[in-house]
Amino acid sequence: YARARADGTCEACEQPEPFEAKSGSSLEVHHMYRLSDGGPDHPEHVAAVCPNCHARIHRGVDGGEYNEALIEKVLDKEDPFRMKYIY
């Protein structure tokens, strides 16, 4: 689902897939909310990201913030009409 939604573009850095994979996609599926913390294992809660972005999220010093930005991007794709601000 996430790879189809991404359509060949990393949902984090928004760059094309870094290489052509034997499996058809080099994008990796990332759970935006960790399953070990009770996050849902649901298609709307995963993103298709390139290997570099996936490593940055899990091992980068700014991984938490980068993941939060990714969540916002995916939420915008899933529901482009959602309210971003409540007045």
PDB file of N, CA and C in Angstrom:
ATOM      1  N   TYR A   1       0.828  -1.200   0.000  1.00  0.00           N
ATOM      2  CA  TYR A   1       0.000   0.000   0.000  1.00  0.00           C
ATOM      3  C   TYR A   1       0.865   1.254   0.000  1.00  0.00           C
ATOM      4  N   ALA A   2       1.824   1.315   0.926  1.00  0.00           N
ATOM      5  CA  ALA A   2       2.668   2.510   1.035  1.00  0.00           C
ATOM      6  C   ALA A   2       3.504   2.712  -0.223  1.00  0.00           C
ATOM      7  N   ARG A   3       4.053   1.627  -0.760  1.00  0.00           N
ATOM      8  CA  ARG A   3       4.851   1.753  -1.978  1.00  0.00           C
ATOM      9  C   ARG A   3       3.992   2.230  -3.154  1.00  0.00           C
ATOM     10  N   ALA A   4       2.768   1.738  -3.233  1.00  0.00           N
ATOM     11  CA  ALA A   4       1.874   2.190  -4.299  1.00  0.00           C
ATOM     12  C   ALA A   4       1.544   3.670  -4.123  1.00  0.00           C
ATOM     13  N   ARG A   5       1.289   4.091  -2.886  1.00  0.00           N
ATOM     14  CA  ARG A   5       0.972   5.491  -2.610  1.00  0.00           C
ATOM     15  C   ARG A   5       2.166   6.379  -2.960  1.00  0.00           C
ATOM     16  N   ALA A   6       3.378   5.901  -2.665  1.00  0.00           N
ATOM     17  CA  ALA A   6       4.597   6.679  -2.916  1.00  0.00           C
ATOM     18  C   ALA A   6       4.894   6.822  -4.407  1.00  0.00           C
ATOM     19  N   ASP A   7       4.505   5.841  -5.191  1.00  0.00           N
ATOM     20  CA  ASP A   7       4.663   5.885  -6.643  1.00  0.00           C
ATOM     21  C   ASP A   7       6.105   6.181  -7.067  1.00  0.00           C
ATOM     22  N   GLY A   8       7.059   5.467  -6.436  1.00  0.00           N
ATOM     23  CA  GLY A   8       8.453   5.585  -6.837  1.00  0.00           C
ATOM     24  C   GLY A   8       9.215   6.747  -6.225  1.00  0.00           C
ATOM     25  N   THR A   9       8.601   7.452  -5.284  1.00  0.00           N
ATOM     26  CA  THR A   9       9.232   8.603  -4.652  1.00  0.00           C
ATOM     27  C   THR A   9       9.247   8.422  -3.140  1.00  0.00           C
ATOM     28  N   CYS A  10      10.405   8.652  -2.524  1.00  0.00           N
ATOM     29  CA  CYS A  10      10.510   8.550  -1.068  1.00  0.00           C
ATOM     30  C   CYS A  10       9.536   9.540  -0.434  1.00  0.00           C
ATOM     31  N   GLU A  11       8.728   9.058   0.503  1.00  0.00           N
ATOM     32  CA  GLU A  11       7.748   9.940   1.129  1.00  0.00           C
ATOM     33  C   GLU A  11       8.377  10.876   2.159  1.00  0.00           C
ATOM     34  N   ALA A  12       9.636  10.665   2.495  1.00  0.00           N
ATOM     35  CA  ALA A  12      10.311  11.551   3.446  1.00  0.00           C
ATOM     36  C   ALA A  12      11.063  12.662   2.708  1.00  0.00           C
ATOM     37  N   CYS A  13      12.043  12.293   1.889  1.00  0.00           N
ATOM     38  CA  CYS A  13      12.863  13.308   1.208  1.00  0.00           C
ATOM     39  C   CYS A  13      12.292  13.727  -0.148  1.00  0.00           C
ATOM     40  N   GLU A  14      11.285  13.011  -0.623  1.00  0.00           N
ATOM     41  CA  GLU A  14      10.589  13.308  -1.872  1.00  0.00           C
ATOM     42  C   GLU A  14      11.484  13.209  -3.104  1.00  0.00           C
ATOM     43  N   GLN A  15      12.510  12.351  -3.012  1.00  0.00           N
ATOM     44  CA  GLN A  15      13.397  12.090  -4.142  1.00  0.00           C
ATOM     45  C   GLN A  15      13.015  10.744  -4.774  1.00  0.00           C
ATOM     46  N   PRO A  16      13.350  10.549  -6.041  1.00  0.00           N
ATOM     47  CA  PRO A  16      13.063   9.266  -6.683  1.00  0.00           C
ATOM     48  C   PRO A  16      13.789   8.121  -5.982  1.00  0.00           C
ATOM     49  N   GLU A  17      13.260   6.927  -6.148  1.00  0.00           N
ATOM     50  CA  GLU A  17      13.923   5.743  -5.585  1.00  0.00           C
ATOM     51  C   GLU A  17      15.397   5.766  -5.966  1.00  0.00           C
ATOM     52  N   PRO A  18      16.289   5.389  -5.038  1.00  0.00           N
ATOM     53  CA  PRO A  18      17.722   5.501  -5.314  1.00  0.00           C
ATOM     54  C   PRO A  18      18.262   4.473  -6.303  1.00  0.00           C
ATOM     55  N   PHE A  19      17.573   3.371  -6.479  1.00  0.00           N
ATOM     56  CA  PHE A  19      18.024   2.355  -7.435  1.00  0.00           C
ATOM     57  C   PHE A  19      16.849   1.464  -7.790  1.00  0.00           C
ATOM     58  N   GLU A  20      17.000   0.725  -8.890  1.00  0.00           N
ATOM     59  CA  GLU A  20      15.975  -0.223  -9.312  1.00  0.00           C
ATOM     60  C   GLU A  20      16.237  -1.547  -8.595  1.00  0.00           C
ATOM     61  N   ALA A  21      15.260  -2.011  -7.879  1.00  0.00           N
ATOM     62  CA  ALA A  21      15.419  -3.235  -7.088  1.00  0.00           C
ATOM     63  C   ALA A  21      14.858  -4.442  -7.834  1.00  0.00           C
ATOM     64  N   LYS A  22      15.402  -5.605  -7.523  1.00  0.00           N
ATOM     65  CA  LYS A  22      14.900  -6.851  -8.102  1.00  0.00           C
ATOM     66  C   LYS A  22      13.436  -7.061  -7.753  1.00  0.00           C
ATOM     67  N   SER A  23      13.041  -6.613  -6.554  1.00  0.00           N
ATOM     68  CA  SER A  23      11.663  -6.792  -6.098  1.00  0.00           C
ATOM     69  C   SER A  23      10.706  -5.788  -6.722  1.00  0.00           C
ATOM     70  N   GLY A  24      11.244  -4.804  -7.452  1.00  0.00           N
ATOM     71  CA  GLY A  24      10.399  -3.802  -8.083  1.00  0.00           C
ATOM     72  C   GLY A  24      10.473  -2.445  -7.415  1.00  0.00           C
ATOM     73  N   SER A  25      10.827  -2.389  -6.136  1.00  0.00           N
ATOM     74  CA  SER A  25      10.922  -1.109  -5.435  1.00  0.00           C
ATOM     75  C   SER A  25      12.055  -1.160  -4.416  1.00  0.00           C
ATOM     76  N   SER A  26      12.869  -0.116  -4.407  1.00  0.00           N
ATOM     77  CA  SER A  26      13.925  -0.029  -3.403  1.00  0.00           C
ATOM     78  C   SER A  26      13.458   0.734  -2.166  1.00  0.00           C
ATOM     79  N   LEU A  27      12.222   1.213  -2.179  1.00  0.00           N
ATOM     80  CA  LEU A  27      11.693   1.907  -1.007  1.00  0.00           C
ATOM     81  C   LEU A  27      11.382   0.893   0.089  1.00  0.00           C
ATOM     82  N   GLU A  28      11.667   1.286   1.317  1.00  0.00           N
ATOM     83  CA  GLU A  28      11.431   0.427   2.470  1.00  0.00           C
ATOM     84  C   GLU A  28      10.172   0.886   3.191  1.00  0.00           C
ATOM     85  N   VAL A  29       9.427  -0.061   3.711  1.00  0.00           N
ATOM     86  CA  VAL A  29       8.202   0.269   4.442  1.00  0.00           C
ATOM     87  C   VAL A  29       8.571   0.559   5.891  1.00  0.00           C
ATOM     88  N   HIS A  30       8.197   1.737   6.359  1.00  0.00           N
ATOM     89  CA  HIS A  30       8.521   2.211   7.707  1.00  0.00           C
ATOM     90  C   HIS A  30       7.243   2.413   8.505  1.00  0.00           C
ATOM     91  N   HIS A  31       7.181   1.816   9.704  1.00  0.00           N
ATOM     92  CA  HIS A  31       6.064   2.066  10.622  1.00  0.00           C
ATOM     93  C   HIS A  31       6.306   3.406  11.302  1.00  0.00           C
ATOM     94  N   MET A  32       5.441   4.356  11.056  1.00  0.00           N
ATOM     95  CA  MET A  32       5.637   5.699  11.605  1.00  0.00           C
ATOM     96  C   MET A  32       5.445   5.739  13.119  1.00  0.00           C
ATOM     97  N   TYR A  33       4.665   4.800  13.624  1.00  0.00           N
ATOM     98  CA  TYR A  33       4.451   4.654  15.066  1.00  0.00           C
ATOM     99  C   TYR A  33       4.945   3.260  15.413  1.00  0.00           C
ATOM    100  N   ARG A  34       5.965   3.163  16.230  1.00  0.00           N
ATOM    101  CA  ARG A  34       6.603   1.877  16.500  1.00  0.00           C
ATOM    102  C   ARG A  34       5.616   0.851  17.054  1.00  0.00           C
ATOM    103  N   LEU A  35       5.652  -0.328  16.448  1.00  0.00           N
ATOM    104  CA  LEU A  35       4.793  -1.418  16.910  1.00  0.00           C
ATOM    105  C   LEU A  35       5.109  -1.776  18.355  1.00  0.00           C
ATOM    106  N   SER A  36       6.377  -1.697  18.733  1.00  0.00           N
ATOM    107  CA  SER A  36       6.783  -2.049  20.097  1.00  0.00           C
ATOM    108  C   SER A  36       6.212  -1.077  21.128  1.00  0.00           C
ATOM    109  N   ASP A  37       5.781   0.101  20.669  1.00  0.00           N
ATOM    110  CA  ASP A  37       5.152   1.076  21.561  1.00  0.00           C
ATOM    111  C   ASP A  37       3.635   1.051  21.446  1.00  0.00           C
ATOM    112  N   GLY A  38       3.114   0.030  20.781  1.00  0.00           N
ATOM    113  CA  GLY A  38       1.667  -0.086  20.628  1.00  0.00           C
ATOM    114  C   GLY A  38       1.122   0.572  19.384  1.00  0.00           C
ATOM    115  N   GLY A  39       1.995   0.965  18.466  1.00  0.00           N
ATOM    116  CA  GLY A  39       1.537   1.590  17.230  1.00  0.00           C
ATOM    117  C   GLY A  39       0.733   0.625  16.378  1.00  0.00           C
ATOM    118  N   PRO A  40      -0.192   1.157  15.581  1.00  0.00           N
ATOM    119  CA  PRO A  40      -1.046   0.300  14.760  1.00  0.00           C
ATOM    120  C   PRO A  40      -0.299  -0.288  13.566  1.00  0.00           C
ATOM    121  N   ASP A  41      -0.586  -1.529  13.261  1.00  0.00           N
ATOM    122  CA  ASP A  41      -0.035  -2.192  12.087  1.00  0.00           C
ATOM    123  C   ASP A  41      -1.083  -2.077  10.981  1.00  0.00           C
ATOM    124  N   HIS A  42      -1.219  -0.873  10.468  1.00  0.00           N
ATOM    125  CA  HIS A  42      -2.264  -0.565   9.500  1.00  0.00           C
ATOM    126  C   HIS A  42      -1.632   0.189   8.336  1.00  0.00           C
ATOM    127  N   PRO A  43      -2.083  -0.040   7.115  1.00  0.00           N
ATOM    128  CA  PRO A  43      -1.466   0.595   5.953  1.00  0.00           C
ATOM    129  C   PRO A  43      -1.367   2.117   6.026  1.00  0.00           C
ATOM    130  N   GLU A  44      -2.328   2.774   6.629  1.00  0.00           N
ATOM    131  CA  GLU A  44      -2.283   4.230   6.713  1.00  0.00           C
ATOM    132  C   GLU A  44      -1.215   4.729   7.681  1.00  0.00           C
ATOM    133  N   HIS A  45      -0.611   3.833   8.444  1.00  0.00           N
ATOM    134  CA  HIS A  45       0.384   4.215   9.442  1.00  0.00           C
ATOM    135  C   HIS A  45       1.781   3.748   9.077  1.00  0.00           C
ATOM    136  N   VAL A  46       1.991   3.478   7.788  1.00  0.00           N
ATOM    137  CA  VAL A  46       3.322   3.142   7.292  1.00  0.00           C
ATOM    138  C   VAL A  46       3.655   4.087   6.142  1.00  0.00           C
ATOM    139  N   ALA A  47       4.938   4.256   5.907  1.00  0.00           N
ATOM    140  CA  ALA A  47       5.402   5.110   4.816  1.00  0.00           C
ATOM    141  C   ALA A  47       6.433   4.343   4.005  1.00  0.00           C
ATOM    142  N   ALA A  48       6.572   4.716   2.752  1.00  0.00           N
ATOM    143  CA  ALA A  48       7.596   4.145   1.882  1.00  0.00           C
ATOM    144  C   ALA A  48       8.737   5.149   1.808  1.00  0.00           C
ATOM    145  N   VAL A  49       9.885   4.753   2.343  1.00  0.00           N
ATOM    146  CA  VAL A  49      11.021   5.667   2.413  1.00  0.00           C
ATOM    147  C   VAL A  49      12.273   5.020   1.823  1.00  0.00           C
ATOM    148  N   CYS A  50      13.189   5.851   1.346  1.00  0.00           N
ATOM    149  CA  CYS A  50      14.448   5.340   0.818  1.00  0.00           C
ATOM    150  C   CYS A  50      15.306   4.831   1.975  1.00  0.00           C
ATOM    151  N   PRO A  51      16.294   3.995   1.682  1.00  0.00           N
ATOM    152  CA  PRO A  51      17.144   3.458   2.748  1.00  0.00           C
ATOM    153  C   PRO A  51      17.826   4.541   3.594  1.00  0.00           C
ATOM    154  N   ASN A  52      18.247   5.646   2.971  1.00  0.00           N
ATOM    155  CA  ASN A  52      18.902   6.711   3.730  1.00  0.00           C
ATOM    156  C   ASN A  52      17.946   7.367   4.722  1.00  0.00           C
ATOM    157  N   CYS A  53      16.743   7.662   4.281  1.00  0.00           N
ATOM    158  CA  CYS A  53      15.768   8.283   5.182  1.00  0.00           C
ATOM    159  C   CYS A  53      15.370   7.316   6.291  1.00  0.00           C
ATOM    160  N   HIS A  54      15.263   6.041   5.956  1.00  0.00           N
ATOM    161  CA  HIS A  54      14.903   5.047   6.967  1.00  0.00           C
ATOM    162  C   HIS A  54      15.972   4.994   8.053  1.00  0.00           C
ATOM    163  N   ALA A  55      17.239   5.006   7.641  1.00  0.00           N
ATOM    164  CA  ALA A  55      18.340   5.012   8.609  1.00  0.00           C
ATOM    165  C   ALA A  55      18.339   6.302   9.422  1.00  0.00           C
ATOM    166  N   ARG A  56      18.066   7.422   8.770  1.00  0.00           N
ATOM    167  CA  ARG A  56      18.034   8.703   9.487  1.00  0.00           C
ATOM    168  C   ARG A  56      16.966   8.701  10.569  1.00  0.00           C
ATOM    169  N   ILE A  57      15.800   8.163  10.247  1.00  0.00           N
ATOM    170  CA  ILE A  57      14.710   8.117  11.225  1.00  0.00           C
ATOM    171  C   ILE A  57      15.111   7.272  12.434  1.00  0.00           C
ATOM    172  N   HIS A  58      15.709   6.120  12.184  1.00  0.00           N
ATOM    173  CA  HIS A  58      16.017   5.198  13.283  1.00  0.00           C
ATOM    174  C   HIS A  58      17.333   5.487  13.998  1.00  0.00           C
ATOM    175  N   ARG A  59      18.292   6.088  13.278  1.00  0.00           N
ATOM    176  CA  ARG A  59      19.610   6.260  13.901  1.00  0.00           C
ATOM    177  C   ARG A  59      20.134   7.688  13.887  1.00  0.00           C
ATOM    178  N   GLY A  60      19.450   8.589  13.235  1.00  0.00           N
ATOM    179  CA  GLY A  60      19.913   9.967  13.146  1.00  0.00           C
ATOM    180  C   GLY A  60      19.632  10.757  14.417  1.00  0.00           C
ATOM    181  N   VAL A  61      20.445  11.761  14.662  1.00  0.00           N
ATOM    182  CA  VAL A  61      20.251  12.584  15.861  1.00  0.00           C
ATOM    183  C   VAL A  61      18.926  13.343  15.799  1.00  0.00           C
ATOM    184  N   ASP A  62      18.425  13.590  14.598  1.00  0.00           N
ATOM    185  CA  ASP A  62      17.146  14.274  14.436  1.00  0.00           C
ATOM    186  C   ASP A  62      16.040  13.318  13.980  1.00  0.00           C
ATOM    187  N   GLY A  63      16.230  12.031  14.241  1.00  0.00           N
ATOM    188  CA  GLY A  63      15.292  11.021  13.754  1.00  0.00           C
ATOM    189  C   GLY A  63      13.858  11.236  14.196  1.00  0.00           C
ATOM    190  N   GLY A  64      13.662  11.606  15.445  1.00  0.00           N
ATOM    191  CA  GLY A  64      12.298  11.833  15.942  1.00  0.00           C
ATOM    192  C   GLY A  64      11.603  12.967  15.221  1.00  0.00           C
ATOM    193  N   GLU A  65      12.314  14.064  15.039  1.00  0.00           N
ATOM    194  CA  GLU A  65      11.740  15.212  14.337  1.00  0.00           C
ATOM    195  C   GLU A  65      11.494  14.888  12.859  1.00  0.00           C
ATOM    196  N   TYR A  66      12.422  14.146  12.270  1.00  0.00           N
ATOM    197  CA  TYR A  66      12.271  13.774  10.862  1.00  0.00           C
ATOM    198  C   TYR A  66      11.051  12.863  10.679  1.00  0.00           C
ATOM    199  N   ASN A  67      10.847  11.955  11.618  1.00  0.00           N
ATOM    200  CA  ASN A  67       9.682  11.073  11.573  1.00  0.00           C
ATOM    201  C   ASN A  67       8.391  11.875  11.743  1.00  0.00           C
ATOM    202  N   GLU A  68       8.396  12.862  12.636  1.00  0.00           N
ATOM    203  CA  GLU A  68       7.201  13.701  12.821  1.00  0.00           C
ATOM    204  C   GLU A  68       6.860  14.443  11.533  1.00  0.00           C
ATOM    205  N   ALA A  69       7.867  14.956  10.836  1.00  0.00           N
ATOM    206  CA  ALA A  69       7.634  15.634   9.564  1.00  0.00           C
ATOM    207  C   ALA A  69       7.074  14.648   8.529  1.00  0.00           C
ATOM    208  N   LEU A  70       7.580  13.429   8.544  1.00  0.00           N
ATOM    209  CA  LEU A  70       7.074  12.390   7.638  1.00  0.00           C
ATOM    210  C   LEU A  70       5.609  12.092   7.935  1.00  0.00           C
ATOM    211  N   ILE A  71       5.274  11.990   9.197  1.00  0.00           N
ATOM    212  CA  ILE A  71       3.880  11.726   9.582  1.00  0.00           C
ATOM    213  C   ILE A  71       2.965  12.804   9.005  1.00  0.00           C
ATOM    214  N   GLU A  72       3.371  14.059   9.108  1.00  0.00           N
ATOM    215  CA  GLU A  72       2.559  15.157   8.561  1.00  0.00           C
ATOM    216  C   GLU A  72       2.386  15.021   7.053  1.00  0.00           C
ATOM    217  N   LYS A  73       3.461  14.662   6.349  1.00  0.00           N
ATOM    218  CA  LYS A  73       3.378  14.490   4.898  1.00  0.00           C
ATOM    219  C   LYS A  73       2.409  13.378   4.529  1.00  0.00           C
ATOM    220  N   VAL A  74       2.488  12.264   5.247  1.00  0.00           N
ATOM    221  CA  VAL A  74       1.605  11.133   4.943  1.00  0.00           C
ATOM    222  C   VAL A  74       0.164  11.473   5.296  1.00  0.00           C
ATOM    223  N   LEU A  75      -0.055  12.151   6.416  1.00  0.00           N
ATOM    224  CA  LEU A  75      -1.410  12.562   6.773  1.00  0.00           C
ATOM    225  C   LEU A  75      -1.999  13.469   5.702  1.00  0.00           C
ATOM    226  N   ASP A  76      -1.190  14.363   5.156  1.00  0.00           N
ATOM    227  CA  ASP A  76      -1.663  15.238   4.084  1.00  0.00           C
ATOM    228  C   ASP A  76      -2.045  14.437   2.844  1.00  0.00           C
ATOM    229  N   LYS A  77      -1.281  13.385   2.547  1.00  0.00           N
ATOM    230  CA  LYS A  77      -1.612  12.537   1.396  1.00  0.00           C
ATOM    231  C   LYS A  77      -2.884  11.740   1.647  1.00  0.00           C
ATOM    232  N   GLU A  78      -3.019  11.220   2.847  1.00  0.00           N
ATOM    233  CA  GLU A  78      -4.168  10.377   3.174  1.00  0.00           C
ATOM    234  C   GLU A  78      -5.456  11.185   3.265  1.00  0.00           C
ATOM    235  N   ASP A  79      -5.368  12.400   3.772  1.00  0.00           N
ATOM    236  CA  ASP A  79      -6.556  13.235   3.934  1.00  0.00           C
ATOM    237  C   ASP A  79      -6.186  14.680   3.624  1.00  0.00           C
ATOM    238  N   PRO A  80      -6.149  15.032   2.351  1.00  0.00           N
ATOM    239  CA  PRO A  80      -5.707  16.375   1.981  1.00  0.00           C
ATOM    240  C   PRO A  80      -6.624  17.486   2.477  1.00  0.00           C
ATOM    241  N   PHE A  81      -7.808  17.145   2.943  1.00  0.00           N
ATOM    242  CA  PHE A  81      -8.748  18.150   3.409  1.00  0.00           C
ATOM    243  C   PHE A  81      -8.814  18.278   4.923  1.00  0.00           C
ATOM    244  N   ARG A  82      -7.907  17.567   5.606  1.00  0.00           N
ATOM    245  CA  ARG A  82      -7.942  17.628   7.076  1.00  0.00           C
ATOM    246  C   ARG A  82      -7.595  19.026   7.557  1.00  0.00           C
ATOM    247  N   MET A  83      -8.138  19.365   8.710  1.00  0.00           N
ATOM    248  CA  MET A  83      -7.851  20.665   9.303  1.00  0.00           C
ATOM    249  C   MET A  83      -6.469  20.631   9.939  1.00  0.00           C
ATOM    250  N   LYS A  84      -5.613  21.558   9.532  1.00  0.00           N
ATOM    251  CA  LYS A  84      -4.275  21.605  10.107  1.00  0.00           C
ATOM    252  C   LYS A  84      -4.248  22.466  11.354  1.00  0.00           C
ATOM    253  N   TYR A  85      -5.144  23.395  11.445  1.00  0.00           N
ATOM    254  CA  TYR A  85      -5.175  24.282  12.598  1.00  0.00           C
ATOM    255  C   TYR A  85      -6.599  24.379  13.126  1.00  0.00           C
ATOM    256  N   ILE A  86      -6.713  24.359  14.397  1.00  0.00           N
ATOM    257  CA  ILE A  86      -8.017  24.524  15.029  1.00  0.00           C
ATOM    258  C   ILE A  86      -8.038  25.922  15.641  1.00  0.00           C
ATOM    259  N   TYR A  87      -9.021  26.704  15.260  1.00  0.00           N
ATOM    260  CA  TYR A  87      -9.098  28.076  15.767  1.00  0.00           C
ATOM    261  C   TYR A  87      -9.969  28.130  16.992  1.00  0.00           C
TER     262      TYR A  87
END
